[in-house]
C-alpha atoms as a PDB file:
ATOM      1  CA  MET A   1      18.475  -7.734  -1.279  1.00  0.00           C
ATOM      2  CA  ARG A   2      16.691  -8.297   2.029  1.00  0.00           C
ATOM      3  CA  LEU A   3      12.976  -7.710   2.576  1.00  0.00           C
ATOM      4  CA  HIS A   4      11.117  -6.899   5.787  1.00  0.00           C
ATOM      5  CA  ALA A   5       7.393  -6.436   6.333  1.00  0.00           C
ATOM      6  CA  VAL A   6       6.829  -3.310   8.433  1.00  0.00           C
ATOM      7  CA  ALA A   7       3.538  -2.866  10.266  1.00  0.00           C
ATOM      8  CA  GLY A   8       1.727   0.437  10.128  1.00  0.00           C
ATOM      9  CA  ASN A   9      -1.440   1.235  12.048  1.00  0.00           C
ATOM     10  CA  ASP A  10      -4.223  -1.298  11.574  1.00  0.00           C
ATOM     11  CA  ILE A  11      -7.501   0.164  10.354  1.00  0.00           C
ATOM     12  CA  ARG A  12     -11.146  -0.840   9.969  1.00  0.00           C
ATOM     13  CA  LEU A  13     -13.171   0.131   6.896  1.00  0.00           C
ATOM     14  CA  ASP A  14     -16.726  -0.620   5.831  1.00  0.00           C
ATOM     15  CA  GLY A  15     -16.923  -4.148   4.438  1.00  0.00           C
ATOM     16  CA  GLY A  16     -19.420  -3.221   1.751  1.00  0.00           C
ATOM     17  CA  ALA A  17     -17.140  -0.455   0.497  1.00  0.00           C
ATOM     18  CA  MET A  18     -14.109  -2.741   0.539  1.00  0.00           C
ATOM     19  CA  PHE A  19     -15.852  -5.480  -1.453  1.00  0.00           C
ATOM     20  CA  GLY A  20     -17.942  -3.304  -3.753  1.00  0.00           C
ATOM     21  CA  ASN A  21     -19.824  -5.620  -6.086  1.00  0.00           C
ATOM     22  CA  ALA A  22     -19.556  -8.736  -3.874  1.00  0.00           C
ATOM     23  CA  PRO A  23     -22.668  -9.463  -1.768  1.00  0.00           C
ATOM     24  CA  ARG A  24     -22.290  -9.522   1.994  1.00  0.00           C
ATOM     25  CA  ALA A  25     -23.214 -13.209   2.075  1.00  0.00           C
ATOM     26  CA  LEU A  26     -19.864 -13.826   0.384  1.00  0.00           C
ATOM     27  CA  TRP A  27     -17.538 -11.218   1.808  1.00  0.00           C
ATOM     28  CA  GLU A  28     -18.443 -11.650   5.471  1.00  0.00           C
ATOM     29  CA  ALA A  29     -17.040 -15.195   5.225  1.00  0.00           C
ATOM     30  CA  TRP A  30     -13.770 -13.796   3.855  1.00  0.00           C
ATOM     31  CA  ALA A  31     -13.570 -10.896   6.341  1.00  0.00           C
ATOM     32  CA  PRO A  32     -15.960 -10.987   9.336  1.00  0.00           C
ATOM     33  CA  PRO A  33     -17.245  -7.467  10.133  1.00  0.00           C
ATOM     34  CA  ASP A  34     -17.505  -5.809  13.543  1.00  0.00           C
ATOM     35  CA  GLU A  35     -20.663  -4.285  15.013  1.00  0.00           C
ATOM     36  CA  ARG A  36     -20.149  -1.189  12.838  1.00  0.00           C
ATOM     37  CA  HIS A  37     -19.919  -3.346   9.682  1.00  0.00           C
ATOM     38  CA  ARG A  38     -16.181  -2.649   9.341  1.00  0.00           C
ATOM     39  CA  ILE A  39     -13.534  -5.241   8.512  1.00  0.00           C
ATOM     40  CA  ALA A  40     -10.017  -5.495   9.931  1.00  0.00           C
ATOM     41  CA  LEU A  41      -7.228  -4.365   7.608  1.00  0.00           C
ATOM     42  CA  ALA A  42      -3.478  -3.995   7.950  1.00  0.00           C
ATOM     43  CA  THR A  43      -1.532  -1.073   6.526  1.00  0.00           C
ATOM     44  CA  ARG A  44       1.712  -2.916   5.834  1.00  0.00           C
ATOM     45  CA  ALA A  45       4.847  -1.369   4.367  1.00  0.00           C
ATOM     46  CA  LEU A  46       7.782  -3.189   2.784  1.00  0.00           C
ATOM     47  CA  LEU A  47      11.365  -2.285   3.701  1.00  0.00           C
ATOM     48  CA  VAL A  48      14.022  -3.259   1.160  1.00  0.00           C
ATOM     49  CA  GLU A  49      17.707  -3.360   2.076  1.00  0.00           C
ATOM     50  CA  ASP A  50      19.312  -2.915  -1.328  1.00  0.00           C
ATOM     51  CA  GLY A  51      23.038  -2.753  -0.698  1.00  0.00           C
ATOM     52  CA  GLU A  52      23.684   0.486   1.171  1.00  0.00           C
ATOM     53  CA  ARG A  53      20.283   1.880   0.201  1.00  0.00           C
ATOM     54  CA  LEU A  54      17.124   1.538   2.310  1.00  0.00           C
ATOM     55  CA  VAL A  55      13.893   1.714   0.310  1.00  0.00           C
ATOM     56  CA  LEU A  56      10.497   1.825   2.002  1.00  0.00           C
ATOM     57  CA  LEU A  57       7.418   0.982  -0.032  1.00  0.00           C
ATOM     58  CA  GLU A  58       4.568   2.996   1.466  1.00  0.00           C
ATOM     59  CA  ALA A  59       4.117   4.287   5.004  1.00  0.00           C
ATOM     60  CA  GLY A  60       0.853   2.916   6.399  1.00  0.00           C
ATOM     61  CA  ALA A  61      -1.991   4.919   7.888  1.00  0.00           C
ATOM     62  CA  GLY A  62      -0.201   6.743  10.696  1.00  0.00           C
ATOM     63  CA  ALA A  63      -2.051   8.813  13.287  1.00  0.00           C
ATOM     64  CA  ALA A  64      -2.088  12.300  11.777  1.00  0.00           C
ATOM     65  CA  MET A  65      -5.894  12.501  11.623  1.00  0.00           C
ATOM     66  CA  ALA A  66      -8.025  14.129  14.297  1.00  0.00           C
ATOM     67  CA  PRO A  67      -9.524  11.689  16.855  1.00  0.00           C
ATOM     68  CA  ARG A  68     -13.013  11.712  15.323  1.00  0.00           C
ATOM     69  CA  LEU A  69     -11.586  10.640  11.957  1.00  0.00           C
ATOM     70  CA  ARG A  70      -9.309   8.029  13.511  1.00  0.00           C
ATOM     71  CA  ASP A  71     -12.415   6.595  15.137  1.00  0.00           C
ATOM     72  CA  ARG A  72     -14.347   6.662  11.852  1.00  0.00           C
ATOM     73  CA  TYR A  73     -11.640   4.700  10.051  1.00  0.00           C
ATOM     74  CA  GLY A  74     -10.820   2.466  13.000  1.00  0.00           C
ATOM     75  CA  ILE A  75      -7.178   3.553  13.092  1.00  0.00           C
ATOM     76  CA  ALA A  76      -5.553   1.589  15.887  1.00  0.00           C
ATOM     77  CA  GLY A  77      -3.585   3.408  18.558  1.00  0.00           C
ATOM     78  CA  PRO A  78      -3.001   7.072  19.372  1.00  0.00           C
ATOM     79  CA  SER A  79       0.390   7.249  17.656  1.00  0.00           C
ATOM     80  CA  ASN A  80       2.055   6.331  14.374  1.00  0.00           C
ATOM     81  CA  ALA A  81       3.010   2.636  14.502  1.00  0.00           C
ATOM     82  CA  LEU A  82       5.584   2.846  11.707  1.00  0.00           C
ATOM     83  CA  PRO A  83       8.528   4.336  13.684  1.00  0.00           C
ATOM     84  CA  ALA A  84       8.208   1.632  16.357  1.00  0.00           C
ATOM     85  CA  SER A  85       8.061  -1.073  13.678  1.00  0.00           C
ATOM     86  CA  LEU A  86      11.203   0.309  12.038  1.00  0.00           C
ATOM     87  CA  ALA A  87      12.906   0.491  15.440  1.00  0.00           C
ATOM     88  CA  ARG A  88      12.324  -3.224  15.984  1.00  0.00           C
ATOM     89  CA  LEU A  89      14.408  -3.776  12.843  1.00  0.00           C
ATOM     90  CA  GLY A  90      17.146  -1.453  14.082  1.00  0.00           C
ATOM     91  CA  PHE A  91      16.231   1.539  11.910  1.00  0.00           C
ATOM     92  CA  THR A  92      14.653   4.972  12.253  1.00  0.00           C
ATOM     93  CA  ASP A  93      12.785   7.083   9.715  1.00  0.00           C
ATOM     94  CA  ALA A  94      16.006   9.116   9.321  1.00  0.00           C
ATOM     95  CA  ASP A  95      17.762   6.031   7.916  1.00  0.00           C
ATOM     96  CA  ILE A  96      15.442   5.668   4.931  1.00  0.00           C
ATOM     97  CA  ASP A  97      16.867   6.780   1.576  1.00  0.00           C
ATOM     98  CA  VAL A  98      13.793   6.433  -0.650  1.00  0.00           C
ATOM     99  CA  VAL A  99      10.066   6.158   0.096  1.00  0.00           C
ATOM    100  CA  VAL A 100       7.966   4.833  -2.783  1.00  0.00           C
ATOM    101  CA  LEU A 101       4.303   5.810  -2.538  1.00  0.00           C
ATOM    102  CA  SER A 102       1.880   3.889  -4.727  1.00  0.00           C
ATOM    103  CA  HIS A 103      -0.600   6.743  -4.270  1.00  0.00           C
ATOM    104  CA  LEU A 104      -1.405   9.296  -1.590  1.00  0.00           C
ATOM    105  CA  HIS A 105      -4.555   7.963   0.078  1.00  0.00           C
ATOM    106  CA  PHE A 106      -4.289   8.321   3.847  1.00  0.00           C
ATOM    107  CA  ASP A 107      -3.991   4.590   4.535  1.00  0.00           C
ATOM    108  CA  HIS A 108      -0.898   4.396   2.307  1.00  0.00           C
ATOM    109  CA  ALA A 109       0.833   7.700   3.037  1.00  0.00           C
ATOM    110  CA  GLY A 110      -0.402   8.890   6.451  1.00  0.00           C
ATOM    111  CA  GLY A 111       2.612   7.363   8.185  1.00  0.00           C
ATOM    112  CA  LEU A 112       4.790  10.057   6.604  1.00  0.00           C
ATOM    113  CA  LEU A 113       3.362  12.557   9.102  1.00  0.00           C
ATOM    114  CA  SER A 114       3.780  13.202  12.812  1.00  0.00           C
ATOM    115  CA  ASP A 115       0.972  12.349  15.236  1.00  0.00           C
ATOM    116  CA  TRP A 116      -2.054  14.628  15.547  1.00  0.00           C
ATOM    117  CA  ARG A 117      -1.802  17.246  18.286  1.00  0.00           C
ATOM    118  CA  GLU A 118      -4.481  19.797  19.116  1.00  0.00           C
ATOM    119  CA  GLY A 119      -3.574  23.149  17.572  1.00  0.00           C
ATOM    120  CA  GLU A 120      -0.349  21.872  15.957  1.00  0.00           C
ATOM    121  CA  ALA A 121       0.384  21.481  12.264  1.00  0.00           C
ATOM    122  CA  PRO A 122       1.676  18.052  11.197  1.00  0.00           C
ATOM    123  CA  ARG A 123       5.365  17.572  10.445  1.00  0.00           C
ATOM    124  CA  LEU A 124       6.865  15.489   7.664  1.00  0.00           C
ATOM    125  CA  LEU A 125       8.949  12.564   8.955  1.00  0.00           C
ATOM    126  CA  PHE A 126      11.761  10.819   7.008  1.00  0.00           C
ATOM    127  CA  PRO A 127      14.077  13.854   7.000  1.00  0.00           C
ATOM    128  CA  ARG A 128      16.527  12.664   4.321  1.00  0.00           C
ATOM    129  CA  ALA A 129      14.403  10.408   2.133  1.00  0.00           C
ATOM    130  CA  ARG A 130      13.462  11.094  -1.463  1.00  0.00           C
ATOM    131  CA  PHE A 131       9.729  10.568  -2.056  1.00  0.00           C
ATOM    132  CA  LEU A 132       8.673   8.833  -5.286  1.00  0.00           C
ATOM    133  CA  VAL A 133       5.074   9.315  -6.485  1.00  0.00           C
ATOM    134  CA  GLY A 134       3.526   8.742  -9.900  1.00  0.00           C
ATOM    135  CA  ARG A 135       2.810  12.043 -11.635  1.00  0.00           C
ATOM    136  CA  ALA A 136      -0.861  11.200 -12.235  1.00  0.00           C
ATOM    137  CA  ALA A 137      -1.282  10.075  -8.599  1.00  0.00           C
ATOM    138  CA  TRP A 138       0.299  13.337  -7.475  1.00  0.00           C
ATOM    139  CA  GLU A 139      -2.059  15.409  -9.621  1.00  0.00           C
ATOM    140  CA  ARG A 140      -5.019  13.514  -8.177  1.00  0.00           C
ATOM    141  CA  ALA A 141      -3.876  14.295  -4.630  1.00  0.00           C
ATOM    142  CA  VAL A 142      -3.331  17.976  -5.403  1.00  0.00           C
ATOM    143  CA  HIS A 143      -6.653  18.265  -7.248  1.00  0.00           C
ATOM    144  CA  PRO A 144      -8.872  15.504  -5.806  1.00  0.00           C
ATOM    145  CA  HIS A 145     -12.299  14.686  -7.170  1.00  0.00           C
ATOM    146  CA  ASP A 146     -15.275  15.048  -4.857  1.00  0.00           C
ATOM    147  CA  ARG A 147     -15.628  11.260  -4.985  1.00  0.00           C
ATOM    148  CA  ASP A 148     -12.308  10.604  -3.248  1.00  0.00           C
ATOM    149  CA  ARG A 149     -11.444  13.898  -1.552  1.00  0.00           C
ATOM    150  CA  ALA A 150     -11.886  12.346   1.912  1.00  0.00           C
ATOM    151  CA  SER A 151      -9.224   9.737   1.120  1.00  0.00           C
ATOM    152  CA  PHE A 152      -6.421  12.316   1.096  1.00  0.00           C
ATOM    153  CA  LEU A 153      -4.617  14.173   3.878  1.00  0.00           C
ATOM    154  CA  PRO A 154      -4.910  17.796   2.720  1.00  0.00           C
ATOM    155  CA  GLU A 155      -1.655  18.914   4.368  1.00  0.00           C
ATOM    156  CA  LEU A 156       0.532  16.212   2.820  1.00  0.00           C
ATOM    157  CA  PRO A 157       1.120  17.448  -0.765  1.00  0.00           C
ATOM    158  CA  ALA A 158       2.380  20.851   0.366  1.00  0.00           C
ATOM    159  CA  LEU A 159       4.739  19.272   2.896  1.00  0.00           C
ATOM    160  CA  LEU A 160       6.138  16.873   0.303  1.00  0.00           C
ATOM    161  CA  GLU A 161       6.656  19.673  -2.211  1.00  0.00           C
ATOM    162  CA  ALA A 162       8.253  21.983   0.381  1.00  0.00           C
ATOM    163  CA  SER A 163      10.739  19.274   1.350  1.00  0.00           C
ATOM    164  CA  GLY A 164      12.509  19.620  -2.006  1.00  0.00           C
ATOM    165  CA  ARG A 165      12.812  15.836  -2.056  1.00  0.00           C
ATOM    166  CA  LEU A 166       9.751  14.928  -4.117  1.00  0.00           C
ATOM    167  CA  ALA A 167      10.338  13.055  -7.392  1.00  0.00           C
ATOM    168  CA  LEU A 168       7.469  12.393  -9.784  1.00  0.00           C
ATOM    169  CA  VAL A 169       7.581   9.152 -11.760  1.00  0.00           C
ATOM    170  CA  GLU A 170       6.416   8.976 -15.367  1.00  0.00           C
ATOM    171  CA  GLY A 171       8.123   5.862 -16.713  1.00  0.00           C
ATOM    172  CA  ALA A 172       8.743   2.304 -15.603  1.00  0.00           C
ATOM    173  CA  ARG A 173      11.924   3.106 -13.675  1.00  0.00           C
ATOM    174  CA  SER A 174      13.478   5.742 -11.446  1.00  0.00           C
ATOM    175  CA  PRO A 175      17.191   6.641 -11.258  1.00  0.00           C
ATOM    176  CA  LEU A 176      16.776   6.697  -7.473  1.00  0.00           C
ATOM    177  CA  LEU A 177      16.247   2.927  -7.446  1.00  0.00           C
ATOM    178  CA  GLY A 178      18.317  -0.003  -8.619  1.00  0.00           C
ATOM    179  CA  GLU A 179      17.807  -2.010 -11.788  1.00  0.00           C
ATOM    180  CA  ARG A 180      15.811  -4.653  -9.942  1.00  0.00           C
ATOM    181  CA  PHE A 181      12.948  -2.197  -9.372  1.00  0.00           C
ATOM    182  CA  ARG A 182      10.350  -1.279 -11.972  1.00  0.00           C
ATOM    183  CA  PHE A 183       6.862   0.170 -11.880  1.00  0.00           C
ATOM    184  CA  HIS A 184       3.565  -1.029 -13.284  1.00  0.00           C
ATOM    185  CA  PRO A 185       1.134   1.904 -13.385  1.00  0.00           C
ATOM    186  CA  SER A 186      -2.481   1.091 -12.549  1.00  0.00           C
ATOM    187  CA  HIS A 187      -5.448   3.416 -13.039  1.00  0.00           C
ATOM    188  CA  GLY A 188      -8.451   1.335 -11.966  1.00  0.00           C
ATOM    189  CA  HIS A 189      -8.284   2.250  -8.275  1.00  0.00           C
ATOM    190  CA  THR A 190      -6.961   5.789  -8.649  1.00  0.00           C
ATOM    191  CA  PRO A 191      -5.079   7.534 -11.468  1.00  0.00           C
ATOM    192  CA  GLY A 192      -1.408   6.668 -11.727  1.00  0.00           C
ATOM    193  CA  MET A 193      -1.083   4.224  -8.849  1.00  0.00           C
ATOM    194  CA  LEU A 194       2.357   2.592  -8.892  1.00  0.00           C
ATOM    195  CA  CYS A 195       2.686  -1.158  -8.379  1.00  0.00           C
ATOM    196  CA  THR A 196       6.344  -1.880  -7.607  1.00  0.00           C
ATOM    197  CA  TRP A 197       7.888  -4.986  -9.198  1.00  0.00           C
ATOM    198  CA  ILE A 198      11.120  -6.226  -7.573  1.00  0.00           C
ATOM    199  CA  GLU A 199      13.143  -8.876  -9.371  1.00  0.00           C
ATOM    200  CA  GLY A 200      14.228 -11.792  -7.184  1.00  0.00           C
ATOM    201  CA  VAL A 201      16.262 -14.945  -7.661  1.00  0.00           C
ATOM    202  CA  GLY A 202      13.243 -17.171  -6.967  1.00  0.00           C
ATOM    203  CA  GLY A 203      10.811 -14.963  -8.882  1.00  0.00           C
ATOM    204  CA  PRO A 204       9.618 -11.369  -8.534  1.00  0.00           C
ATOM    205  CA  VAL A 205       7.860  -9.752  -5.598  1.00  0.00           C
ATOM    206  CA  VAL A 206       5.166  -7.197  -6.432  1.00  0.00           C
ATOM    207  CA  TYR A 207       3.805  -4.579  -4.052  1.00  0.00           C
ATOM    208  CA  ALA A 208       0.436  -4.191  -5.751  1.00  0.00           C
ATOM    209  CA  ALA A 209      -1.099  -1.752  -3.233  1.00  0.00           C
ATOM    210  CA  ASP A 210      -4.868  -1.457  -3.850  1.00  0.00           C
ATOM    211  CA  LEU A 211      -4.847  -3.382  -7.108  1.00  0.00           C
ATOM    212  CA  VAL A 212      -4.808  -6.560  -4.979  1.00  0.00           C
ATOM    213  CA  PRO A 213      -4.992  -5.341  -1.361  1.00  0.00           C
ATOM    214  CA  GLY A 214      -5.267  -8.838   0.158  1.00  0.00           C
ATOM    215  CA  ARG A 215      -5.914 -12.479  -0.650  1.00  0.00           C
ATOM    216  CA  ALA A 216      -9.691 -12.027  -0.804  1.00  0.00           C
ATOM    217  CA  TRP A 217      -9.276  -9.577  -3.687  1.00  0.00           C
ATOM    218  CA  ILE A 218      -7.245 -11.967  -5.831  1.00  0.00           C
ATOM    219  CA  ARG A 219     -10.607 -13.072  -7.237  1.00  0.00           C
ATOM    220  CA  THR A 220     -10.586 -11.223 -10.544  1.00  0.00           C
ATOM    221  CA  SER A 221     -14.230 -10.119 -10.446  1.00  0.00           C
ATOM    222  CA  VAL A 222     -14.023  -8.607  -6.943  1.00  0.00           C
ATOM    223  CA  THR A 223     -13.437  -4.859  -6.799  1.00  0.00           C
ATOM    224  CA  MET A 224     -13.826  -2.183  -4.149  1.00  0.00           C
ATOM    225  CA  GLY A 225     -16.429   0.526  -3.953  1.00  0.00           C
ATOM    226  CA  TYR A 226     -13.487   2.904  -3.712  1.00  0.00           C
ATOM    227  CA  ASP A 227     -12.219   1.946  -7.177  1.00  0.00           C
ATOM    228  CA  ARG A 228     -12.728   4.701  -9.763  1.00  0.00           C
ATOM    229  CA  SER A 229     -12.925   2.303 -12.720  1.00  0.00           C
ATOM    230  CA  PRO A 230     -13.785  -1.277 -11.672  1.00  0.00           C
ATOM    231  CA  GLU A 231     -13.734  -2.758 -15.187  1.00  0.00           C
ATOM    232  CA  ARG A 232     -10.310  -1.276 -15.878  1.00  0.00           C
ATOM    233  CA  LEU A 233      -9.073  -2.542 -12.513  1.00  0.00           C
ATOM    234  CA  ILE A 234     -10.200  -6.084 -13.352  1.00  0.00           C
ATOM    235  CA  ASP A 235      -8.281  -5.982 -16.643  1.00  0.00           C
ATOM    236  CA  GLU A 236      -5.175  -4.648 -14.882  1.00  0.00           C
ATOM    237  CA  LYS A 237      -5.462  -7.292 -12.180  1.00  0.00           C
ATOM    238  CA  LYS A 238      -5.763 -10.118 -14.699  1.00  0.00           C
ATOM    239  CA  ALA A 239      -2.665  -8.923 -16.564  1.00  0.00           C
ATOM    240  CA  LEU A 240      -0.596  -8.672 -13.385  1.00  0.00           C
ATOM    241  CA  LEU A 241      -1.698 -12.047 -12.027  1.00  0.00           C
ATOM    242  CA  ALA A 242      -0.962 -13.760 -15.354  1.00  0.00           C
ATOM    243  CA  SER A 243       2.549 -12.277 -15.309  1.00  0.00           C
ATOM    244  CA  LEU A 244       3.124 -13.483 -11.764  1.00  0.00           C
ATOM    245  CA  VAL A 245       1.977 -17.014 -12.535  1.00  0.00           C
ATOM    246  CA  GLU A 246       4.318 -17.145 -15.522  1.00  0.00           C
ATOM    247  CA  SER A 247       7.265 -15.786 -13.508  1.00  0.00           C
ATOM    248  CA  LYS A 248       6.448 -17.745 -10.314  1.00  0.00           C
ATOM    249  CA  GLY A 249       6.132 -14.444  -8.507  1.00  0.00           C
ATOM    250  CA  ARG A 250       4.677 -13.379  -5.205  1.00  0.00           C
ATOM    251  CA  LEU A 251       2.284 -10.627  -4.166  1.00  0.00           C
ATOM    252  CA  PHE A 252       3.015  -8.510  -1.110  1.00  0.00           C
ATOM    253  CA  PHE A 253      -0.268  -7.478   0.535  1.00  0.00           C
ATOM    254  CA  THR A 254      -0.630  -4.083   2.167  1.00  0.00           C
ATOM    255  CA  HIS A 255      -4.101  -4.662   3.654  1.00  0.00           C
ATOM    256  CA  ASP A 256      -4.399  -8.398   4.357  1.00  0.00           C
ATOM    257  CA  PRO A 257      -4.665  -8.650   8.168  1.00  0.00           C
ATOM    258  CA  THR A 258      -2.982 -12.061   8.439  1.00  0.00           C
ATOM    259  CA  CYS A 259      -0.889 -12.605   5.300  1.00  0.00           C
ATOM    260  CA  ALA A 260       2.112 -10.499   4.267  1.00  0.00           C
ATOM    261  CA  TRP A 261       2.811 -12.259   0.987  1.00  0.00           C
ATOM    262  CA  ALA A 262       1.988 -15.341  -1.061  1.00  0.00           C
ATOM    263  CA  ARG A 263       2.830 -16.923  -4.389  1.00  0.00           C
ATOM    264  CA  VAL A 264       0.244 -16.528  -7.167  1.00  0.00           C
ATOM    265  CA  VAL A 265      -1.088 -19.738  -8.718  1.00  0.00           C
ATOM    266  CA  LEU A 266      -3.706 -20.699 -11.301  1.00  0.00           C
ATOM    267  CA  ASP A 267      -5.958 -23.719 -10.750  1.00  0.00           C
ATOM    268  CA  GLU A 268      -7.352 -26.123 -13.337  1.00  0.00           C
ATOM    269  CA  ALA A 269     -10.554 -24.107 -13.602  1.00  0.00           C
ATOM    270  CA  GLY A 270      -8.590 -21.006 -14.564  1.00  0.00           C
ATOM    271  CA  ARG A 271      -9.071 -19.259 -11.200  1.00  0.00           C
ATOM    272  CA  TYR A 272      -6.251 -17.343  -9.556  1.00  0.00           C
ATOM    273  CA  GLY A 273      -5.328 -18.122  -5.987  1.00  0.00           C
ATOM    274  CA  THR A 274      -2.443 -18.064  -3.548  1.00  0.00           C
ATOM    275  CA  ALA A 275       0.043 -20.638  -2.273  1.00  0.00           C
ATOM    276  CA  GLU A 276       2.786 -20.553   0.355  1.00  0.00           C
ATOM    277  CA  PRO A 277       1.161 -17.752   2.379  1.00  0.00           C
ATOM    278  CA  CYS A 278       3.373 -16.162   5.010  1.00  0.00           C
ATOM    279  CA  SER A 279       2.203 -13.999   7.903  1.00  0.00           C
ATOM    280  CA  GLY A 280       5.502 -12.161   8.182  1.00  0.00           C
ATOM    281  CA  VAL A 281       8.546 -11.270   6.127  1.00  0.00           C
ATOM    282  CA  ALA A 282      11.664 -10.701   8.210  1.00  0.00           C
ATOM    283  CA  GLY A 283      15.024 -10.370   6.505  1.00  0.00           C
ATOM    284  CA  VAL A 284      14.114 -12.621   3.571  1.00  0.00           C
ATOM    285  CA  GLU A 285      16.754 -12.577   0.851  1.00  0.00           C
ATOM    286  CA  ILE A 286      15.608 -12.478  -2.774  1.00  0.00           C
END
């Protein structure tokens, strides 16, 4: 198995929303804000070469939103960055066999869509891929709550369903993936979010999506204002981090602007942290 970090469009979101219960005096040292109080965030996907199968975990933010919304969320660039990032690895979206979506918020699934054009409906990219989504996450996207309605791209669910290639996940595994893949459902951020656990020779790699979006959020008490159930998220985070310490595993970060992955460690005071941080992952064998 070979892993590659794949850059989607960088974004900027409100620092207070991203750090929820943490006071600005703390979080601005972890993530300095711009003049609009937004912090820099990556939207990083993970490409897995698993034998003859290409699996993409998430799709980044893309550029399917209208310009005023791209400005609001600080989406970098006028076009979807994901195809160019795949091209640098020698692939196109048509080469991908399976796309695993932790959930369908725009900054995790927007890269599935073509760029915004005035008066044109978006198109679904990845013409031969199967799309894996947790059933509860799918239901949330189809019937969003007023609290998180703005986080979804309204056109996306219908396009996924019309493709005939949507597969809803209810258990820990999918027949579309190999035995080294399994899912850990998480409900603290949004219902049914899938954290993907990949077994590796030197320990597992976990794509934890918004359960631990970056190194700053490895602090167990820190949650986002976007999280639907912060206390539940903290419990889920503690359980995952404990498992990764025991298994000498690594977290892959979708939103950390400078770190793609790092090993999870526990210090003498019982606080979780990271070691061996790496800014990029390019063809790493596990």
